[in-house]
Amino acid sequence: MGKPGIRTFAALAVCGALAIGTLYAPPGAAQELKKQYWATSLSRSVDDVVLQGLYEAVARGEVGWLDIDPKYLIRPLRPGINLILYHVGGNCYIGDDCDRFPDSQSTGDRWGNTERAVDLDDPEVRKIVVEDLVAIVRSGDEVAPEGAIVGVHLDNVHKLDAQGLADIFNEFLTAVEAARQQGRISKNRKVGYVAKNNPSRFKRALDENLLTAPPLYQINENARLDADGVLDRQSQTAGDIGRRCRIPVFLKTFGSDVAFKGERDGSTVYVTQSMARQMAQAPDISGVAWSADERSYRPTLFVQGSPLRHAPFGSANPCDG
């Protein structure tokens, strides 16, 4: 269970900060199947071909998501596009950013030259991060089209257990509702969060009703197929979340990801664009983004997957379906 003070106040956020049902499923169209389009880049501006695909999808009446680092915000945003803004989350950037935190540690990975890890289980750290997230939402609120969702993409939450995930996102939703009441976020702006990786623990948080609201969508990176064309277990778990909660599931994969080893000669088989297209045909997958190399978080290919019938938000437990 979440912290008593947080969960009591966060219940109000379901009606305010997360009253996103009208955006997911407009009155009269709650059960309509719609394709999703996810245009994302975390390292540069969105690839021109992918961005054009987003514009075309929205023009067809499909649901569009622009998921980017705030440094590369597109102005003006076209109507019909939901805006998701990135935050480094469980890491900080070496220098002034890390200096704000009580402590930070080496990431121990290839990001160690520019980032350090912070402990999101520490309430003091979460307070700083949540304040950042509210500021990001406020900036998105100013530029997002009327009726669009504004959400946050919180990275580096892979070390958190189910309760840890609930703590950070419930506190975020509570802070959003407080900012709304103070007039710092538009009264009618729909706000939410994205589930990034860690699908098994997100699933547990949802199963145990630890989260006051479901994510806007689930991302799973480094998706791959085995030699028999079967999707990896983590991506399947992400699909389970999407099916139960009726939210989009987007897979991200890279040409540098190893799909499998050849049975006869042991050769390395990497994830190709063709495999990405095959992944998009898997059940409960809304789309797949492919980049040539994991050093670039700027996909050059997005393949739409299954259409989605969104659950109407505001139900007692939207993940019962």
C-alpha atoms as a PDB file:
ATOM      1  CA  MET A   1       0.000   0.000   0.000  1.00  0.00           C
ATOM      2  CA  GLY A   2       1.069   3.581  -0.638  1.00  0.00           C
ATOM      3  CA  LYS A   3       1.786   6.140   2.037  1.00  0.00           C
ATOM      4  CA  PRO A   4      -1.478   7.185   3.769  1.00  0.00           C
ATOM      5  CA  GLY A   5      -1.169  10.922   3.237  1.00  0.00           C
ATOM      6  CA  ILE A   6      -0.209  10.540  -0.378  1.00  0.00           C
ATOM      7  CA  ARG A   7      -2.900   8.066  -1.341  1.00  0.00           C
ATOM      8  CA  THR A   8      -5.662  10.074   0.380  1.00  0.00           C
ATOM      9  CA  PHE A   9      -4.830  13.237  -1.474  1.00  0.00           C
ATOM     10  CA  ALA A  10      -3.897  11.394  -4.657  1.00  0.00           C
ATOM     11  CA  ALA A  11      -7.435  10.077  -4.884  1.00  0.00           C
ATOM     12  CA  LEU A  12      -8.423  13.625  -5.739  1.00  0.00           C
ATOM     13  CA  ALA A  13      -5.948  13.542  -8.604  1.00  0.00           C
ATOM     14  CA  VAL A  14      -7.963  10.842 -10.337  1.00  0.00           C
ATOM     15  CA  CYS A  15     -10.743  13.358 -10.825  1.00  0.00           C
ATOM     16  CA  GLY A  16      -8.387  16.221 -11.623  1.00  0.00           C
ATOM     17  CA  ALA A  17      -4.894  15.529 -12.864  1.00  0.00           C
ATOM     18  CA  LEU A  18      -5.938  12.193 -14.321  1.00  0.00           C
ATOM     19  CA  ALA A  19      -9.392  12.874 -15.603  1.00  0.00           C
ATOM     20  CA  ILE A  20      -8.059  11.789 -18.962  1.00  0.00           C
ATOM     21  CA  GLY A  21     -10.933   9.584 -19.982  1.00  0.00           C
ATOM     22  CA  THR A  22     -12.489  12.186 -22.232  1.00  0.00           C
ATOM     23  CA  LEU A  23      -9.249  12.375 -24.164  1.00  0.00           C
ATOM     24  CA  TYR A  24      -8.666   8.684 -24.421  1.00  0.00           C
ATOM     25  CA  ALA A  25     -12.245   7.975 -25.301  1.00  0.00           C
ATOM     26  CA  PRO A  26     -14.430  10.939 -26.268  1.00  0.00           C
ATOM     27  CA  PRO A  27     -18.132  10.721 -25.432  1.00  0.00           C
ATOM     28  CA  GLY A  28     -19.869   8.592 -28.019  1.00  0.00           C
ATOM     29  CA  ALA A  29     -16.623   6.942 -29.087  1.00  0.00           C
ATOM     30  CA  ALA A  30     -15.523   5.201 -25.907  1.00  0.00           C
ATOM     31  CA  GLN A  31     -15.350   1.779 -27.539  1.00  0.00           C
ATOM     32  CA  GLU A  32     -13.973   2.816 -30.912  1.00  0.00           C
ATOM     33  CA  LEU A  33     -10.869   0.967 -32.061  1.00  0.00           C
ATOM     34  CA  LYS A  34      -8.087   3.371 -32.986  1.00  0.00           C
ATOM     35  CA  LYS A  35      -4.541   2.946 -34.170  1.00  0.00           C
ATOM     36  CA  GLN A  36      -1.771   4.683 -32.244  1.00  0.00           C
ATOM     37  CA  TYR A  37       1.257   6.547 -33.569  1.00  0.00           C
ATOM     38  CA  TRP A  38       4.315   7.127 -31.368  1.00  0.00           C
ATOM     39  CA  ALA A  39       6.864   9.658 -32.614  1.00  0.00           C
ATOM     40  CA  THR A  40       9.799   9.742 -30.224  1.00  0.00           C
ATOM     41  CA  SER A  41      13.382  10.912 -29.957  1.00  0.00           C
ATOM     42  CA  LEU A  42      15.370  11.490 -26.786  1.00  0.00           C
ATOM     43  CA  SER A  43      18.687  12.555 -28.310  1.00  0.00           C
ATOM     44  CA  ARG A  44      17.737  14.955 -31.110  1.00  0.00           C
ATOM     45  CA  SER A  45      14.671  16.260 -32.870  1.00  0.00           C
ATOM     46  CA  VAL A  46      12.292  13.583 -34.149  1.00  0.00           C
ATOM     47  CA  ASP A  47      13.258  12.010 -37.467  1.00  0.00           C
ATOM     48  CA  ASP A  48      11.506  13.830 -40.343  1.00  0.00           C
ATOM     49  CA  VAL A  49       9.935  10.667 -41.774  1.00  0.00           C
ATOM     50  CA  VAL A  50       8.643   9.570 -38.362  1.00  0.00           C
ATOM     51  CA  LEU A  51       7.294  13.061 -37.646  1.00  0.00           C
ATOM     52  CA  GLN A  52       5.497  13.163 -40.989  1.00  0.00           C
ATOM     53  CA  GLY A  53       3.982   9.793 -40.158  1.00  0.00           C
ATOM     54  CA  LEU A  54       2.638  11.298 -36.929  1.00  0.00           C
ATOM     55  CA  TYR A  55       1.003  14.165 -38.793  1.00  0.00           C
ATOM     56  CA  GLU A  56      -0.581  11.783 -41.283  1.00  0.00           C
ATOM     57  CA  ALA A  57      -1.863   9.478 -38.531  1.00  0.00           C
ATOM     58  CA  VAL A  58      -3.523  12.347 -36.669  1.00  0.00           C
ATOM     59  CA  ALA A  59      -5.056  13.565 -39.911  1.00  0.00           C
ATOM     60  CA  ARG A  60      -6.621  10.104 -40.290  1.00  0.00           C
ATOM     61  CA  GLY A  61      -8.197  10.469 -36.853  1.00  0.00           C
ATOM     62  CA  GLU A  62      -5.744   8.145 -35.106  1.00  0.00           C
ATOM     63  CA  VAL A  63      -4.199   8.809 -31.696  1.00  0.00           C
ATOM     64  CA  GLY A  64      -0.856  10.607 -31.853  1.00  0.00           C
ATOM     65  CA  TRP A  65       1.882  10.777 -29.218  1.00  0.00           C
ATOM     66  CA  LEU A  66       4.942  13.028 -29.420  1.00  0.00           C
ATOM     67  CA  ASP A  67       7.472  11.754 -26.834  1.00  0.00           C
ATOM     68  CA  ILE A  68      10.552  13.986 -26.654  1.00  0.00           C
ATOM     69  CA  ASP A  69      13.166  15.711 -24.536  1.00  0.00           C
ATOM     70  CA  PRO A  70      11.838  19.203 -23.672  1.00  0.00           C
ATOM     71  CA  LYS A  71      14.980  20.657 -25.302  1.00  0.00           C
ATOM     72  CA  TYR A  72      13.586  19.613 -28.679  1.00  0.00           C
ATOM     73  CA  LEU A  73      10.012  20.789 -28.221  1.00  0.00           C
ATOM     74  CA  ILE A  74       8.183  21.477 -31.480  1.00  0.00           C
ATOM     75  CA  ARG A  75       6.227  24.720 -31.703  1.00  0.00           C
ATOM     76  CA  PRO A  76       3.453  25.033 -32.527  1.00  0.00           C
ATOM     77  CA  LEU A  77       2.045  21.566 -31.919  1.00  0.00           C
ATOM     78  CA  ARG A  78      -0.674  20.437 -34.282  1.00  0.00           C
ATOM     79  CA  PRO A  79      -4.114  19.723 -32.811  1.00  0.00           C
ATOM     80  CA  GLY A  80      -4.690  16.070 -31.983  1.00  0.00           C
ATOM     81  CA  ILE A  81      -1.143  15.380 -30.785  1.00  0.00           C
ATOM     82  CA  ASN A  82      -0.595  14.379 -27.166  1.00  0.00           C
ATOM     83  CA  LEU A  83       2.657  15.650 -25.678  1.00  0.00           C
ATOM     84  CA  ILE A  84       4.976  13.515 -23.523  1.00  0.00           C
ATOM     85  CA  LEU A  85       8.101  15.157 -22.071  1.00  0.00           C
ATOM     86  CA  TYR A  86      11.232  13.326 -20.944  1.00  0.00           C
ATOM     87  CA  HIS A  87      13.031  13.454 -17.589  1.00  0.00           C
ATOM     88  CA  VAL A  88      16.216  11.529 -16.782  1.00  0.00           C
ATOM     89  CA  GLY A  89      14.478  10.247 -13.621  1.00  0.00           C
ATOM     90  CA  GLY A  90      16.664   7.920 -11.557  1.00  0.00           C
ATOM     91  CA  ASN A  91      19.795   9.553 -12.957  1.00  0.00           C
ATOM     92  CA  CYS A  92      21.058  13.121 -12.880  1.00  0.00           C
ATOM     93  CA  TYR A  93      23.378  14.997 -15.228  1.00  0.00           C
ATOM     94  CA  ILE A  94      26.894  15.480 -13.866  1.00  0.00           C
ATOM     95  CA  GLY A  95      27.388  19.040 -12.643  1.00  0.00           C
ATOM     96  CA  ASP A  96      24.760  21.461 -11.360  1.00  0.00           C
ATOM     97  CA  ASP A  97      21.946  18.953 -11.855  1.00  0.00           C
ATOM     98  CA  CYS A  98      23.532  16.291  -9.634  1.00  0.00           C
ATOM     99  CA  ASP A  99      24.584  18.928  -7.110  1.00  0.00           C
ATOM    100  CA  ARG A 100      20.906  19.428  -6.183  1.00  0.00           C
ATOM    101  CA  PHE A 101      20.650  15.917  -4.743  1.00  0.00           C
ATOM    102  CA  PRO A 102      21.793  14.724  -1.319  1.00  0.00           C
ATOM    103  CA  ASP A 103      23.872  11.982  -2.923  1.00  0.00           C
ATOM    104  CA  SER A 104      24.591  10.338  -6.262  1.00  0.00           C
ATOM    105  CA  GLN A 105      26.481   7.259  -7.382  1.00  0.00           C
ATOM    106  CA  SER A 106      28.213   6.065 -10.531  1.00  0.00           C
ATOM    107  CA  THR A 107      25.769   4.581 -13.015  1.00  0.00           C
ATOM    108  CA  GLY A 108      28.238   1.800 -13.786  1.00  0.00           C
ATOM    109  CA  ASP A 109      27.227   1.805 -17.436  1.00  0.00           C
ATOM    110  CA  ARG A 110      27.940   3.602 -20.687  1.00  0.00           C
ATOM    111  CA  TRP A 111      26.106   6.702 -19.443  1.00  0.00           C
ATOM    112  CA  GLY A 112      28.654   7.169 -16.648  1.00  0.00           C
ATOM    113  CA  ASN A 113      30.550   9.936 -18.449  1.00  0.00           C
ATOM    114  CA  THR A 114      27.538  12.263 -18.381  1.00  0.00           C
ATOM    115  CA  GLU A 115      25.157  10.911 -15.711  1.00  0.00           C
ATOM    116  CA  ARG A 116      25.104   9.647 -12.137  1.00  0.00           C
ATOM    117  CA  ALA A 117      22.452   7.569 -10.373  1.00  0.00           C
ATOM    118  CA  VAL A 118      20.181   8.913  -7.616  1.00  0.00           C
ATOM    119  CA  ASP A 119      18.004   6.954  -5.202  1.00  0.00           C
ATOM    120  CA  LEU A 120      14.320   7.384  -6.037  1.00  0.00           C
ATOM    121  CA  ASP A 121      13.451   5.445  -2.885  1.00  0.00           C
ATOM    122  CA  ASP A 122      14.731   8.448  -0.903  1.00  0.00           C
ATOM    123  CA  PRO A 123      11.834  10.880  -0.172  1.00  0.00           C
ATOM    124  CA  GLU A 124      14.166  13.882  -0.456  1.00  0.00           C
ATOM    125  CA  VAL A 125      15.286  12.778  -3.916  1.00  0.00           C
ATOM    126  CA  ARG A 126      11.697  12.127  -5.001  1.00  0.00           C
ATOM    127  CA  LYS A 127      10.676  15.612  -3.862  1.00  0.00           C
ATOM    128  CA  ILE A 128      13.275  17.184  -6.155  1.00  0.00           C
ATOM    129  CA  VAL A 129      12.314  14.965  -9.084  1.00  0.00           C
ATOM    130  CA  VAL A 130       8.574  15.553  -8.598  1.00  0.00           C
ATOM    131  CA  GLU A 131       9.153  19.313  -8.572  1.00  0.00           C
ATOM    132  CA  ASP A 132      11.006  18.912 -11.878  1.00  0.00           C
ATOM    133  CA  LEU A 133       8.141  16.889 -13.322  1.00  0.00           C
ATOM    134  CA  VAL A 134       5.532  19.475 -12.341  1.00  0.00           C
ATOM    135  CA  ALA A 135       7.665  22.181 -13.971  1.00  0.00           C
ATOM    136  CA  ILE A 136       7.842  20.054 -17.129  1.00  0.00           C
ATOM    137  CA  VAL A 137       4.059  19.618 -17.135  1.00  0.00           C
ATOM    138  CA  ARG A 138       3.610  23.376 -16.739  1.00  0.00           C
ATOM    139  CA  SER A 139       5.831  24.025 -19.775  1.00  0.00           C
ATOM    140  CA  GLY A 140       3.921  21.418 -21.777  1.00  0.00           C
ATOM    141  CA  ASP A 141       0.607  22.882 -20.650  1.00  0.00           C
ATOM    142  CA  GLU A 142       1.596  26.189 -22.210  1.00  0.00           C
ATOM    143  CA  VAL A 143       2.271  24.781 -25.676  1.00  0.00           C
ATOM    144  CA  ALA A 144       0.090  21.664 -26.029  1.00  0.00           C
ATOM    145  CA  PRO A 145      -3.062  22.024 -28.142  1.00  0.00           C
ATOM    146  CA  GLU A 146      -6.376  22.358 -26.371  1.00  0.00           C
ATOM    147  CA  GLY A 147      -7.679  18.934 -25.395  1.00  0.00           C
ATOM    148  CA  ALA A 148      -4.260  17.258 -25.658  1.00  0.00           C
ATOM    149  CA  ILE A 149      -2.797  15.123 -22.898  1.00  0.00           C
ATOM    150  CA  VAL A 150       0.453  16.298 -21.320  1.00  0.00           C
ATOM    151  CA  GLY A 151       2.488  13.524 -19.744  1.00  0.00           C
ATOM    152  CA  VAL A 152       5.929  12.750 -18.353  1.00  0.00           C
ATOM    153  CA  HIS A 153       8.362  10.070 -19.488  1.00  0.00           C
ATOM    154  CA  LEU A 154      10.406   9.246 -16.385  1.00  0.00           C
ATOM    155  CA  ASP A 155      13.546   7.280 -17.224  1.00  0.00           C
ATOM    156  CA  ASN A 156      15.817   5.043 -15.171  1.00  0.00           C
ATOM    157  CA  VAL A 157      13.166   3.575 -12.892  1.00  0.00           C
ATOM    158  CA  HIS A 158      14.408   0.016 -13.463  1.00  0.00           C
ATOM    159  CA  LYS A 159      15.766  -0.310  -9.913  1.00  0.00           C
ATOM    160  CA  LEU A 160      12.406   0.454  -8.275  1.00  0.00           C
ATOM    161  CA  ASP A 161      10.114  -2.266  -6.975  1.00  0.00           C
ATOM    162  CA  ALA A 162       6.327  -2.048  -7.305  1.00  0.00           C
ATOM    163  CA  GLN A 163       5.941   0.139  -4.212  1.00  0.00           C
ATOM    164  CA  GLY A 164       8.775   2.401  -5.339  1.00  0.00           C
ATOM    165  CA  LEU A 165       7.065   2.936  -8.685  1.00  0.00           C
ATOM    166  CA  ALA A 166       3.803   3.725  -6.904  1.00  0.00           C
ATOM    167  CA  ASP A 167       5.524   6.197  -4.590  1.00  0.00           C
ATOM    168  CA  ILE A 168       7.092   8.324  -7.329  1.00  0.00           C
ATOM    169  CA  PHE A 169       4.088   8.379  -9.652  1.00  0.00           C
ATOM    170  CA  ASN A 170       1.454   8.841  -6.951  1.00  0.00           C
ATOM    171  CA  GLU A 171       3.453  11.722  -5.491  1.00  0.00           C
ATOM    172  CA  PHE A 172       3.727  13.217  -8.962  1.00  0.00           C
ATOM    173  CA  LEU A 173      -0.038  13.011  -9.510  1.00  0.00           C
ATOM    174  CA  THR A 174      -0.688  14.541  -6.107  1.00  0.00           C
ATOM    175  CA  ALA A 175       1.676  17.416  -6.889  1.00  0.00           C
ATOM    176  CA  VAL A 176       0.002  17.970 -10.262  1.00  0.00           C
ATOM    177  CA  GLU A 177      -3.383  18.248  -8.602  1.00  0.00           C
ATOM    178  CA  ALA A 178      -1.989  20.715  -6.052  1.00  0.00           C
ATOM    179  CA  ALA A 179      -0.526  22.810  -8.885  1.00  0.00           C
ATOM    180  CA  ARG A 180      -3.880  22.685 -10.670  1.00  0.00           C
ATOM    181  CA  GLN A 181      -5.677  23.932  -7.554  1.00  0.00           C
ATOM    182  CA  GLN A 182      -3.126  26.746  -7.287  1.00  0.00           C
ATOM    183  CA  GLY A 183      -3.762  27.783 -10.884  1.00  0.00           C
ATOM    184  CA  ARG A 184      -0.302  26.773 -12.106  1.00  0.00           C
ATOM    185  CA  ILE A 185      -1.690  24.090 -14.459  1.00  0.00           C
ATOM    186  CA  SER A 186      -4.822  24.551 -16.547  1.00  0.00           C
ATOM    187  CA  LYS A 187      -7.973  23.274 -14.878  1.00  0.00           C
ATOM    188  CA  ASN A 188      -8.956  21.231 -17.917  1.00  0.00           C
ATOM    189  CA  ARG A 189      -5.514  19.925 -18.868  1.00  0.00           C
ATOM    190  CA  LYS A 190      -5.292  16.132 -18.818  1.00  0.00           C
ATOM    191  CA  VAL A 191      -2.043  14.944 -17.238  1.00  0.00           C
ATOM    192  CA  GLY A 192      -0.462  11.534 -16.810  1.00  0.00           C
ATOM    193  CA  TYR A 193       2.727   9.495 -16.817  1.00  0.00           C
ATOM    194  CA  VAL A 194       4.378   6.868 -18.987  1.00  0.00           C
ATOM    195  CA  ALA A 195       5.571   3.465 -17.739  1.00  0.00           C
ATOM    196  CA  LYS A 196       9.168   3.013 -18.913  1.00  0.00           C
ATOM    197  CA  ASN A 197      10.591  -0.524 -19.009  1.00  0.00           C
ATOM    198  CA  ASN A 198      10.355  -2.627 -15.809  1.00  0.00           C
ATOM    199  CA  PRO A 199       7.019  -4.108 -16.995  1.00  0.00           C
ATOM    200  CA  SER A 200       6.943  -6.959 -14.452  1.00  0.00           C
ATOM    201  CA  ARG A 201       7.077  -4.491 -11.544  1.00  0.00           C
ATOM    202  CA  PHE A 202       4.637  -2.094 -13.163  1.00  0.00           C
ATOM    203  CA  LYS A 203       2.334  -5.069 -13.584  1.00  0.00           C
ATOM    204  CA  ARG A 204       2.663  -5.918  -9.902  1.00  0.00           C
ATOM    205  CA  ALA A 205       1.969  -2.300  -8.906  1.00  0.00           C
ATOM    206  CA  LEU A 206      -1.201  -2.409 -11.013  1.00  0.00           C
ATOM    207  CA  ASP A 207      -2.193  -5.889  -9.808  1.00  0.00           C
ATOM    208  CA  GLU A 208      -1.903  -4.766  -6.186  1.00  0.00           C
ATOM    209  CA  ASN A 209      -3.706  -1.455  -6.798  1.00  0.00           C
ATOM    210  CA  LEU A 210      -0.691   0.514  -5.588  1.00  0.00           C
ATOM    211  CA  LEU A 211      -0.973   3.094  -8.374  1.00  0.00           C
ATOM    212  CA  THR A 212      -3.772   5.643  -8.154  1.00  0.00           C
ATOM    213  CA  ALA A 213      -4.092   5.632 -11.957  1.00  0.00           C
ATOM    214  CA  PRO A 214      -2.696   3.540 -14.811  1.00  0.00           C
ATOM    215  CA  PRO A 215       0.039   4.838 -17.111  1.00  0.00           C
ATOM    216  CA  LEU A 216      -0.774   6.565 -20.369  1.00  0.00           C
ATOM    217  CA  TYR A 217       1.182   3.829 -22.128  1.00  0.00           C
ATOM    218  CA  GLN A 218       3.926   1.257 -21.508  1.00  0.00           C
ATOM    219  CA  ILE A 219       7.315   1.354 -23.228  1.00  0.00           C
ATOM    220  CA  ASN A 220       9.612  -1.656 -23.384  1.00  0.00           C
ATOM    221  CA  GLU A 221      13.091  -1.166 -24.818  1.00  0.00           C
ATOM    222  CA  ASN A 222      15.457  -3.687 -26.390  1.00  0.00           C
ATOM    223  CA  ALA A 223      12.573  -5.784 -27.663  1.00  0.00           C
ATOM    224  CA  ARG A 224      13.567  -8.788 -29.732  1.00  0.00           C
ATOM    225  CA  LEU A 225      12.334 -11.952 -31.408  1.00  0.00           C
ATOM    226  CA  ASP A 226      13.859 -15.371 -30.944  1.00  0.00           C
ATOM    227  CA  ALA A 227      14.687 -17.771 -33.769  1.00  0.00           C
ATOM    228  CA  ASP A 228      11.064 -18.943 -33.805  1.00  0.00           C
ATOM    229  CA  GLY A 229       9.733 -15.391 -34.108  1.00  0.00           C
ATOM    230  CA  VAL A 230       8.513 -15.256 -30.493  1.00  0.00           C
ATOM    231  CA  LEU A 231       8.619 -11.930 -28.664  1.00  0.00           C
ATOM    232  CA  ASP A 232      10.826 -11.696 -25.556  1.00  0.00           C
ATOM    233  CA  ARG A 233       9.220 -12.222 -22.146  1.00  0.00           C
ATOM    234  CA  GLN A 234       9.451  -8.594 -20.979  1.00  0.00           C
ATOM    235  CA  SER A 235       7.701  -7.372 -24.107  1.00  0.00           C
ATOM    236  CA  GLN A 236       5.015 -10.026 -23.631  1.00  0.00           C
ATOM    237  CA  THR A 237       4.490  -8.783 -20.065  1.00  0.00           C
ATOM    238  CA  ALA A 238       4.168  -5.243 -21.396  1.00  0.00           C
ATOM    239  CA  GLY A 239       1.528  -6.531 -23.802  1.00  0.00           C
ATOM    240  CA  ASP A 240      -0.323  -8.107 -20.879  1.00  0.00           C
ATOM    241  CA  ILE A 241      -0.464  -4.685 -19.197  1.00  0.00           C
ATOM    242  CA  GLY A 242      -1.759  -3.096 -22.371  1.00  0.00           C
ATOM    243  CA  ARG A 243      -4.484  -5.691 -22.778  1.00  0.00           C
ATOM    244  CA  ARG A 244      -5.642  -5.530 -19.149  1.00  0.00           C
ATOM    245  CA  CYS A 245      -5.554  -1.752 -18.792  1.00  0.00           C
ATOM    246  CA  ARG A 246      -6.425  -1.036 -22.432  1.00  0.00           C
ATOM    247  CA  ILE A 247      -3.480   1.313 -22.904  1.00  0.00           C
ATOM    248  CA  PRO A 248      -0.982   1.440 -25.778  1.00  0.00           C
ATOM    249  CA  VAL A 249       2.212  -0.608 -25.617  1.00  0.00           C
ATOM    250  CA  PHE A 250       5.159   0.673 -27.618  1.00  0.00           C
ATOM    251  CA  LEU A 251       8.298  -1.372 -28.152  1.00  0.00           C
ATOM    252  CA  LYS A 252      11.663   0.183 -28.899  1.00  0.00           C
ATOM    253  CA  THR A 253      14.418  -1.827 -30.497  1.00  0.00           C
ATOM    254  CA  PHE A 254      17.808  -1.233 -32.021  1.00  0.00           C
ATOM    255  CA  GLY A 255      19.841  -2.659 -34.869  1.00  0.00           C
ATOM    256  CA  SER A 256      22.620  -3.240 -32.322  1.00  0.00           C
ATOM    257  CA  ASP A 257      20.367  -5.498 -30.203  1.00  0.00           C
ATOM    258  CA  VAL A 258      21.152  -9.212 -30.445  1.00  0.00           C
ATOM    259  CA  ALA A 259      18.004 -11.124 -31.352  1.00  0.00           C
ATOM    260  CA  PHE A 260      19.493 -14.627 -31.071  1.00  0.00           C
ATOM    261  CA  LYS A 261      22.439 -16.826 -31.987  1.00  0.00           C
ATOM    262  CA  GLY A 262      22.281 -19.033 -35.043  1.00  0.00           C
ATOM    263  CA  GLU A 263      21.706 -22.670 -34.103  1.00  0.00           C
ATOM    264  CA  ARG A 264      24.090 -24.159 -36.634  1.00  0.00           C
ATOM    265  CA  ASP A 265      27.046 -21.791 -36.651  1.00  0.00           C
ATOM    266  CA  GLY A 266      26.449 -19.687 -33.549  1.00  0.00           C
ATOM    267  CA  SER A 267      26.440 -16.513 -35.612  1.00  0.00           C
ATOM    268  CA  THR A 268      24.946 -13.388 -34.079  1.00  0.00           C
ATOM    269  CA  VAL A 269      21.606 -12.278 -35.502  1.00  0.00           C
ATOM    270  CA  TYR A 270      20.761  -8.647 -34.854  1.00  0.00           C
ATOM    271  CA  VAL A 271      17.334  -7.016 -34.797  1.00  0.00           C
ATOM    272  CA  THR A 272      16.447  -5.788 -38.266  1.00  0.00           C
ATOM    273  CA  GLN A 273      13.774  -3.462 -39.575  1.00  0.00           C
ATOM    274  CA  SER A 274      11.979  -6.526 -40.868  1.00  0.00           C
ATOM    275  CA  MET A 275      11.911  -7.955 -37.338  1.00  0.00           C
ATOM    276  CA  ALA A 276      10.539  -4.655 -36.042  1.00  0.00           C
ATOM    277  CA  ARG A 277       7.700  -4.916 -38.541  1.00  0.00           C
ATOM    278  CA  GLN A 278       7.070  -8.486 -37.399  1.00  0.00           C
ATOM    279  CA  MET A 279       7.001  -7.397 -33.724  1.00  0.00           C
ATOM    280  CA  ALA A 280       4.328  -4.846 -34.550  1.00  0.00           C
ATOM    281  CA  GLN A 281       2.041  -7.696 -35.595  1.00  0.00           C
ATOM    282  CA  ALA A 282       2.208  -9.304 -32.142  1.00  0.00           C
ATOM    283  CA  PRO A 283      -0.980  -9.212 -30.049  1.00  0.00           C
ATOM    284  CA  ASP A 284      -1.500  -6.154 -27.825  1.00  0.00           C
ATOM    285  CA  ILE A 285       1.389  -4.201 -29.333  1.00  0.00           C
ATOM    286  CA  SER A 286       0.447  -0.719 -30.562  1.00  0.00           C
ATOM    287  CA  GLY A 287       3.675  -0.040 -32.405  1.00  0.00           C
ATOM    288  CA  VAL A 288       7.433  -0.554 -32.670  1.00  0.00           C
ATOM    289  CA  ALA A 289      10.192   2.059 -33.000  1.00  0.00           C
ATOM    290  CA  TRP A 290      13.546   0.997 -34.498  1.00  0.00           C
ATOM    291  CA  SER A 291      16.924   2.766 -34.389  1.00  0.00           C
ATOM    292  CA  ALA A 292      20.073   1.575 -36.111  1.00  0.00           C
ATOM    293  CA  ASP A 293      22.150   1.681 -32.923  1.00  0.00           C
ATOM    294  CA  GLU A 294      21.431   2.067 -29.203  1.00  0.00           C
ATOM    295  CA  ARG A 295      23.857   4.970 -29.107  1.00  0.00           C
ATOM    296  CA  SER A 296      21.104   6.940 -30.867  1.00  0.00           C
ATOM    297  CA  TYR A 297      17.710   7.248 -29.190  1.00  0.00           C
ATOM    298  CA  ARG A 298      16.288   8.725 -32.391  1.00  0.00           C
ATOM    299  CA  PRO A 299      14.231   6.066 -34.186  1.00  0.00           C
ATOM    300  CA  THR A 300      14.160   6.268 -37.963  1.00  0.00           C
ATOM    301  CA  LEU A 301      11.332   3.777 -38.326  1.00  0.00           C
ATOM    302  CA  PHE A 302       7.991   3.469 -36.573  1.00  0.00           C
ATOM    303  CA  VAL A 303       5.607   0.645 -37.421  1.00  0.00           C
ATOM    304  CA  GLN A 304       2.019   0.849 -36.215  1.00  0.00           C
ATOM    305  CA  GLY A 305       0.567  -2.221 -34.578  1.00  0.00           C
ATOM    306  CA  SER A 306      -2.850  -3.276 -33.357  1.00  0.00           C
ATOM    307  CA  PRO A 307      -5.669  -0.742 -32.947  1.00  0.00           C
ATOM    308  CA  LEU A 308      -6.737  -0.134 -29.384  1.00  0.00           C
ATOM    309  CA  ARG A 309     -10.090   0.199 -27.685  1.00  0.00           C
ATOM    310  CA  HIS A 310      -9.326   2.491 -24.752  1.00  0.00           C
ATOM    311  CA  ALA A 311     -10.934   1.836 -21.400  1.00  0.00           C
ATOM    312  CA  PRO A 312     -13.029   4.759 -20.153  1.00  0.00           C
ATOM    313  CA  PHE A 313     -11.124   6.330 -17.327  1.00  0.00           C
ATOM    314  CA  GLY A 314     -12.906   7.052 -14.094  1.00  0.00           C
ATOM    315  CA  SER A 315     -13.939   3.441 -13.616  1.00  0.00           C
ATOM    316  CA  ALA A 316     -13.178   1.976 -10.190  1.00  0.00           C
ATOM    317  CA  ASN A 317     -10.333  -0.133 -11.572  1.00  0.00           C
ATOM    318  CA  PRO A 318      -9.534   0.544 -15.233  1.00  0.00           C
ATOM    319  CA  CYS A 319      -7.167  -2.453 -15.307  1.00  0.00           C
ATOM    320  CA  ASP A 320      -9.917  -4.990 -14.601  1.00  0.00           C
ATOM    321  CA  GLY A 321     -10.705  -5.348 -18.291  1.00  0.00           C
END
